[in-house]
């Protein structure tokens, strides 16, 4: 695969063109990654709205009928429900890991087995999250069976 970047000061918006002999798994993965990088989520702290890049979000959690996005240092309230976030973030590294949590798999540092078939994920920010037994196999598939 060749990668080429052309700088053209006259263009208004960055455009990515993938040239290939035939569309395959690799080209599909490139499209998924680029789509993921282009998405945004709106979050709120103290009545101020912020645009969040999903790659900065460690996980989403639901409590008291509210959804929160956790980044390395901040917690934002999100106006969407978890099922809506799942739809928006399908084909991205995000995956549901229990009834109340959607996790960015790119923010996982380590895994360990827990009781009753559950697992515990330690994130890059040292936060620990429980992956319920129901979602362990889904997570394994998402990570390519590497657990």
C-alpha atoms as a PDB file:
ATOM      1  CA  UNK A   1       0.000   0.000   0.000  1.00  0.00           C
ATOM      2  CA  UNK A   2       1.261   3.458  -0.902  1.00  0.00           C
ATOM      3  CA  UNK A   3       0.335   6.569   1.047  1.00  0.00           C
ATOM      4  CA  UNK A   4       0.711   9.963  -0.525  1.00  0.00           C
ATOM      5  CA  UNK A   5      -0.153  13.393   0.870  1.00  0.00           C
ATOM      6  CA  UNK A   6      -0.492  16.356  -1.467  1.00  0.00           C
ATOM      7  CA  UNK A   7      -0.596  19.878  -0.127  1.00  0.00           C
ATOM      8  CA  UNK A   8      -2.768  22.181  -2.231  1.00  0.00           C
ATOM      9  CA  UNK A   9      -3.362  25.590  -0.647  1.00  0.00           C
ATOM     10  CA  UNK A  10      -6.304  26.340  -2.957  1.00  0.00           C
ATOM     11  CA  UNK A  11      -8.629  23.581  -1.736  1.00  0.00           C
ATOM     12  CA  UNK A  12     -11.249  24.344   0.912  1.00  0.00           C
ATOM     13  CA  UNK A  13     -11.725  20.920   2.508  1.00  0.00           C
ATOM     14  CA  UNK A  14      -9.492  17.883   2.938  1.00  0.00           C
ATOM     15  CA  UNK A  15     -10.514  15.001   0.704  1.00  0.00           C
ATOM     16  CA  UNK A  16      -9.328  11.414   0.986  1.00  0.00           C
ATOM     17  CA  UNK A  17      -9.394   9.256  -2.142  1.00  0.00           C
ATOM     18  CA  UNK A  18      -8.701   5.530  -1.899  1.00  0.00           C
ATOM     19  CA  UNK A  19      -7.582   4.011  -5.196  1.00  0.00           C
ATOM     20  CA  UNK A  20      -7.615   0.236  -5.307  1.00  0.00           C
ATOM     21  CA  UNK A  21      -7.876  -2.606  -7.789  1.00  0.00           C
ATOM     22  CA  UNK A  22     -10.765  -4.135  -5.854  1.00  0.00           C
ATOM     23  CA  UNK A  23     -12.534  -3.109  -2.639  1.00  0.00           C
ATOM     24  CA  UNK A  24     -11.507  -5.541   0.118  1.00  0.00           C
ATOM     25  CA  UNK A  25     -11.246  -5.868   3.911  1.00  0.00           C
ATOM     26  CA  UNK A  26      -8.274  -3.532   4.068  1.00  0.00           C
ATOM     27  CA  UNK A  27     -10.037  -0.755   2.154  1.00  0.00           C
ATOM     28  CA  UNK A  28     -13.168  -1.234   4.297  1.00  0.00           C
ATOM     29  CA  UNK A  29     -11.028  -0.880   7.453  1.00  0.00           C
ATOM     30  CA  UNK A  30      -9.460   2.315   6.108  1.00  0.00           C
ATOM     31  CA  UNK A  31     -12.935   3.759   5.431  1.00  0.00           C
ATOM     32  CA  UNK A  32     -14.098   2.774   8.963  1.00  0.00           C
ATOM     33  CA  UNK A  33     -11.061   4.429  10.551  1.00  0.00           C
ATOM     34  CA  UNK A  34     -11.479   7.628   8.545  1.00  0.00           C
ATOM     35  CA  UNK A  35     -15.196   7.737   9.338  1.00  0.00           C
ATOM     36  CA  UNK A  36     -14.416   7.286  13.038  1.00  0.00           C
ATOM     37  CA  UNK A  37     -11.911  10.158  12.928  1.00  0.00           C
ATOM     38  CA  UNK A  38     -14.513  12.415  11.301  1.00  0.00           C
ATOM     39  CA  UNK A  39     -17.343  11.845  13.846  1.00  0.00           C
ATOM     40  CA  UNK A  40     -18.126  14.218  16.705  1.00  0.00           C
ATOM     41  CA  UNK A  41     -20.255  13.993  19.844  1.00  0.00           C
ATOM     42  CA  UNK A  42     -21.654  17.012  21.689  1.00  0.00           C
ATOM     43  CA  UNK A  43     -21.174  17.086  25.441  1.00  0.00           C
ATOM     44  CA  UNK A  44     -22.057  19.552  28.167  1.00  0.00           C
ATOM     45  CA  UNK A  45     -20.325  20.769  31.319  1.00  0.00           C
ATOM     46  CA  UNK A  46     -22.032  23.490  33.388  1.00  0.00           C
ATOM     47  CA  UNK A  47     -24.393  24.520  30.558  1.00  0.00           C
ATOM     48  CA  UNK A  48     -21.475  24.945  28.121  1.00  0.00           C
ATOM     49  CA  UNK A  49     -21.484  22.749  25.006  1.00  0.00           C
ATOM     50  CA  UNK A  50     -18.316  21.095  23.716  1.00  0.00           C
ATOM     51  CA  UNK A  51     -17.580  19.148  20.550  1.00  0.00           C
ATOM     52  CA  UNK A  52     -15.841  15.888  21.410  1.00  0.00           C
ATOM     53  CA  UNK A  53     -13.833  13.689  19.091  1.00  0.00           C
ATOM     54  CA  UNK A  54     -14.714  10.046  19.861  1.00  0.00           C
ATOM     55  CA  UNK A  55     -11.014   9.121  19.912  1.00  0.00           C
ATOM     56  CA  UNK A  56     -10.665  11.303  23.046  1.00  0.00           C
ATOM     57  CA  UNK A  57     -13.518   9.521  24.851  1.00  0.00           C
ATOM     58  CA  UNK A  58     -12.609   6.594  27.106  1.00  0.00           C
ATOM     59  CA  UNK A  59     -16.165   5.420  27.769  1.00  0.00           C
ATOM     60  CA  UNK A  60     -19.813   6.389  28.075  1.00  0.00           C
ATOM     61  CA  UNK A  61     -21.759   5.541  31.212  1.00  0.00           C
ATOM     62  CA  UNK A  62     -25.413   5.826  32.112  1.00  0.00           C
ATOM     63  CA  UNK A  63     -26.634   6.753  35.610  1.00  0.00           C
ATOM     64  CA  UNK A  64     -29.908   8.267  36.857  1.00  0.00           C
ATOM     65  CA  UNK A  65     -31.328   8.453  33.297  1.00  0.00           C
ATOM     66  CA  UNK A  66     -28.373  10.547  32.149  1.00  0.00           C
ATOM     67  CA  UNK A  67     -25.468   9.578  29.916  1.00  0.00           C
ATOM     68  CA  UNK A  68     -21.929  10.789  30.536  1.00  0.00           C
ATOM     69  CA  UNK A  69     -18.801  10.738  28.364  1.00  0.00           C
ATOM     70  CA  UNK A  70     -15.521  10.247  30.218  1.00  0.00           C
ATOM     71  CA  UNK A  71     -12.315  11.598  28.719  1.00  0.00           C
ATOM     72  CA  UNK A  72      -8.873  11.514  30.323  1.00  0.00           C
ATOM     73  CA  UNK A  73      -9.625  14.485  32.598  1.00  0.00           C
ATOM     74  CA  UNK A  74     -13.264  15.515  32.139  1.00  0.00           C
ATOM     75  CA  UNK A  75     -16.813  14.179  32.405  1.00  0.00           C
ATOM     76  CA  UNK A  76     -19.395  15.520  29.940  1.00  0.00           C
ATOM     77  CA  UNK A  77     -23.148  15.033  30.004  1.00  0.00           C
ATOM     78  CA  UNK A  78     -24.430  13.705  26.684  1.00  0.00           C
ATOM     79  CA  UNK A  79     -27.979  14.292  25.437  1.00  0.00           C
ATOM     80  CA  UNK A  80     -28.142  10.912  23.648  1.00  0.00           C
ATOM     81  CA  UNK A  81     -29.166   7.522  25.037  1.00  0.00           C
ATOM     82  CA  UNK A  82     -26.693   4.621  25.060  1.00  0.00           C
ATOM     83  CA  UNK A  83     -28.545   2.792  22.267  1.00  0.00           C
ATOM     84  CA  UNK A  84     -28.297   5.932  20.093  1.00  0.00           C
ATOM     85  CA  UNK A  85     -24.563   6.150  20.761  1.00  0.00           C
ATOM     86  CA  UNK A  86     -24.214   2.476  19.824  1.00  0.00           C
ATOM     87  CA  UNK A  87     -25.816   3.220  16.449  1.00  0.00           C
ATOM     88  CA  UNK A  88     -23.722   6.339  15.827  1.00  0.00           C
ATOM     89  CA  UNK A  89     -20.518   4.586  16.856  1.00  0.00           C
ATOM     90  CA  UNK A  90     -21.084   1.266  15.106  1.00  0.00           C
ATOM     91  CA  UNK A  91     -18.044   0.369  12.969  1.00  0.00           C
ATOM     92  CA  UNK A  92     -15.793   2.181  15.445  1.00  0.00           C
ATOM     93  CA  UNK A  93     -13.714   0.860  18.370  1.00  0.00           C
ATOM     94  CA  UNK A  94     -16.654   1.474  20.757  1.00  0.00           C
ATOM     95  CA  UNK A  95     -18.525  -1.507  22.189  1.00  0.00           C
ATOM     96  CA  UNK A  96     -21.105  -2.087  24.884  1.00  0.00           C
ATOM     97  CA  UNK A  97     -19.524  -3.905  27.838  1.00  0.00           C
ATOM     98  CA  UNK A  98     -22.433  -3.949  30.287  1.00  0.00           C
ATOM     99  CA  UNK A  99     -25.967  -2.625  30.662  1.00  0.00           C
ATOM    100  CA  UNK A 100     -24.767   0.911  31.465  1.00  0.00           C
ATOM    101  CA  UNK A 101     -21.422   1.283  29.690  1.00  0.00           C
ATOM    102  CA  UNK A 102     -19.976   1.655  26.183  1.00  0.00           C
ATOM    103  CA  UNK A 103     -16.186   1.395  26.044  1.00  0.00           C
ATOM    104  CA  UNK A 104     -13.598   2.692  23.566  1.00  0.00           C
ATOM    105  CA  UNK A 105     -11.461  -0.436  23.042  1.00  0.00           C
ATOM    106  CA  UNK A 106      -8.503   1.738  22.010  1.00  0.00           C
ATOM    107  CA  UNK A 107      -8.316   3.058  25.578  1.00  0.00           C
ATOM    108  CA  UNK A 108      -7.813  -0.371  27.183  1.00  0.00           C
ATOM    109  CA  UNK A 109      -4.452  -0.952  28.813  1.00  0.00           C
ATOM    110  CA  UNK A 110      -4.979  -4.440  30.318  1.00  0.00           C
ATOM    111  CA  UNK A 111      -7.601  -7.141  30.925  1.00  0.00           C
ATOM    112  CA  UNK A 112      -7.984  -9.541  33.799  1.00  0.00           C
ATOM    113  CA  UNK A 113     -10.454 -12.319  34.554  1.00  0.00           C
ATOM    114  CA  UNK A 114     -12.997 -11.612  37.233  1.00  0.00           C
ATOM    115  CA  UNK A 115     -15.664 -13.639  39.017  1.00  0.00           C
ATOM    116  CA  UNK A 116     -18.481 -15.495  37.228  1.00  0.00           C
ATOM    117  CA  UNK A 117     -16.977 -15.244  33.730  1.00  0.00           C
ATOM    118  CA  UNK A 118     -16.731 -11.467  33.828  1.00  0.00           C
ATOM    119  CA  UNK A 119     -13.603  -9.512  32.967  1.00  0.00           C
ATOM    120  CA  UNK A 120     -12.101  -6.308  34.245  1.00  0.00           C
ATOM    121  CA  UNK A 121     -10.576  -3.766  31.867  1.00  0.00           C
ATOM    122  CA  UNK A 122      -8.031  -1.283  33.136  1.00  0.00           C
ATOM    123  CA  UNK A 123      -7.969   1.803  30.940  1.00  0.00           C
ATOM    124  CA  UNK A 124      -5.035   4.042  30.053  1.00  0.00           C
ATOM    125  CA  UNK A 125      -6.234   6.535  32.683  1.00  0.00           C
ATOM    126  CA  UNK A 126      -6.176   3.704  35.318  1.00  0.00           C
ATOM    127  CA  UNK A 127      -9.994   3.569  35.517  1.00  0.00           C
ATOM    128  CA  UNK A 128     -11.296  -0.002  35.982  1.00  0.00           C
ATOM    129  CA  UNK A 129     -14.488  -1.209  34.274  1.00  0.00           C
ATOM    130  CA  UNK A 130     -16.321  -4.526  34.543  1.00  0.00           C
ATOM    131  CA  UNK A 131     -17.175  -6.346  31.320  1.00  0.00           C
ATOM    132  CA  UNK A 132     -20.236  -8.459  31.994  1.00  0.00           C
ATOM    133  CA  UNK A 133     -20.245 -12.111  30.971  1.00  0.00           C
ATOM    134  CA  UNK A 134     -22.865 -11.377  28.297  1.00  0.00           C
ATOM    135  CA  UNK A 135     -20.480  -9.019  26.431  1.00  0.00           C
ATOM    136  CA  UNK A 136     -17.119 -10.822  26.843  1.00  0.00           C
ATOM    137  CA  UNK A 137     -17.521 -12.847  23.625  1.00  0.00           C
ATOM    138  CA  UNK A 138     -18.633  -9.755  21.681  1.00  0.00           C
ATOM    139  CA  UNK A 139     -15.542  -7.922  22.891  1.00  0.00           C
ATOM    140  CA  UNK A 140     -13.323 -10.857  21.888  1.00  0.00           C
ATOM    141  CA  UNK A 141     -14.746 -10.735  18.357  1.00  0.00           C
ATOM    142  CA  UNK A 142     -14.282  -6.970  18.185  1.00  0.00           C
ATOM    143  CA  UNK A 143     -10.633  -7.370  19.165  1.00  0.00           C
ATOM    144  CA  UNK A 144     -10.105 -10.236  16.734  1.00  0.00           C
ATOM    145  CA  UNK A 145     -10.251 -13.027  19.339  1.00  0.00           C
ATOM    146  CA  UNK A 146      -7.240 -11.676  21.237  1.00  0.00           C
ATOM    147  CA  UNK A 147      -8.339 -12.192  24.877  1.00  0.00           C
END
